[in-house]
């Protein structure tokens, strides 16, 4: 008997509030970033609209943007969010 796969939930990822800003600052379209990160352009769009991203997706985005992963999930320049603390624990 097959074991059902768990459904994706908010617990499986974190918001990536800086993605659109960093992408635009790098002069990249969503399509170009998706190609560089080996992700679907729909994934980029959904994350920029507020969907949570899995940690492996954040790694791919960070590599494509040449930034540390914590830079993507940081809410402001002055402090780090709980999400960045959660990321460093994984």
Protein backbone atom coordinates (compact mmCIF):
# COMPACT_ATOMS: atom_id res chain seq x y z
CA UNK A 1 0.00 0.00 0.00
CA UNK A 2 1.34 3.43 -0.94
CA UNK A 3 1.83 6.06 1.70
CA UNK A 4 0.18 9.37 0.75
CA UNK A 5 2.57 12.24 0.22
CA UNK A 6 2.20 15.16 2.64
CA UNK A 7 0.53 18.22 1.19
CA UNK A 8 2.55 21.37 0.88
CA UNK A 9 1.84 23.83 3.64
CA UNK A 10 3.13 27.10 4.97
CA UNK A 11 5.25 25.11 7.42
CA UNK A 12 7.27 23.80 4.49
CA UNK A 13 8.73 27.16 3.56
CA UNK A 14 9.10 30.82 4.31
CA UNK A 15 8.16 34.10 2.62
CA UNK A 16 10.75 35.64 0.32
CA UNK A 17 9.92 39.35 0.57
CA UNK A 18 13.09 40.58 -1.15
CA UNK A 19 12.85 38.48 -4.31
CA UNK A 20 11.20 41.03 -6.59
CA UNK A 21 13.46 43.84 -5.41
CA UNK A 22 16.66 41.83 -5.84
CA UNK A 23 15.53 40.50 -9.22
CA UNK A 24 14.72 43.99 -10.50
CA UNK A 25 17.97 45.44 -9.08
CA UNK A 26 19.83 42.74 -11.01
CA UNK A 27 17.99 43.80 -14.17
CA UNK A 28 16.40 40.38 -14.63
CA UNK A 29 12.96 39.44 -15.85
CA UNK A 30 11.05 36.71 -14.06
CA UNK A 31 11.71 34.43 -17.03
CA UNK A 32 15.46 35.04 -16.98
CA UNK A 33 15.66 34.45 -13.24
CA UNK A 34 13.62 31.28 -13.61
CA UNK A 35 16.02 30.00 -16.28
CA UNK A 36 19.10 30.83 -14.21
CA UNK A 37 17.63 29.21 -11.09
CA UNK A 38 16.27 26.20 -13.04
CA UNK A 39 12.77 26.96 -11.80
CA UNK A 40 9.42 27.54 -13.46
CA UNK A 41 8.51 31.17 -14.14
CA UNK A 42 5.21 30.44 -12.36
CA UNK A 43 7.20 29.64 -9.22
CA UNK A 44 8.97 33.02 -9.38
CA UNK A 45 5.67 34.81 -9.89
CA UNK A 46 3.93 33.01 -7.02
CA UNK A 47 6.79 33.71 -4.61
CA UNK A 48 6.85 37.38 -5.58
CA UNK A 49 3.10 37.53 -4.90
CA UNK A 50 3.62 36.23 -1.36
CA UNK A 51 3.70 32.44 -1.58
CA UNK A 52 6.17 30.68 0.68
CA UNK A 53 9.28 29.13 -0.85
CA UNK A 54 10.94 25.90 0.18
CA UNK A 55 14.50 26.14 1.45
CA UNK A 56 15.92 24.35 -1.61
CA UNK A 57 14.14 26.88 -3.85
CA UNK A 58 15.63 29.74 -1.83
CA UNK A 59 19.09 28.22 -2.33
CA UNK A 60 18.57 28.10 -6.12
CA UNK A 61 17.31 31.68 -6.18
CA UNK A 62 20.20 32.91 -4.04
CA UNK A 63 22.73 31.25 -6.34
CA UNK A 64 21.05 32.72 -9.42
CA UNK A 65 21.07 36.20 -7.87
CA UNK A 66 24.55 35.78 -6.35
CA UNK A 67 23.37 36.68 -2.86
CA UNK A 68 23.31 34.77 0.44
CA UNK A 69 20.00 32.98 1.08
CA UNK A 70 19.33 35.09 4.16
CA UNK A 71 19.32 38.22 1.95
CA UNK A 72 16.21 36.91 0.18
CA UNK A 73 14.22 36.32 3.33
CA UNK A 74 15.34 39.37 5.31
CA UNK A 75 12.42 41.75 5.81
CA UNK A 76 14.48 44.90 6.21
CA UNK A 77 18.07 46.03 6.03
CA UNK A 78 18.26 46.72 9.76
CA UNK A 79 17.17 43.38 11.15
CA UNK A 80 16.49 39.82 10.30
CA UNK A 81 13.16 38.11 10.42
CA UNK A 82 12.25 34.95 12.23
CA UNK A 83 12.36 33.32 8.83
CA UNK A 84 16.08 33.98 8.44
CA UNK A 85 16.68 32.46 11.87
CA UNK A 86 14.65 29.43 10.85
CA UNK A 87 16.66 29.15 7.65
CA UNK A 88 20.00 29.11 9.46
CA UNK A 89 18.77 26.25 11.65
CA UNK A 90 18.16 23.99 8.65
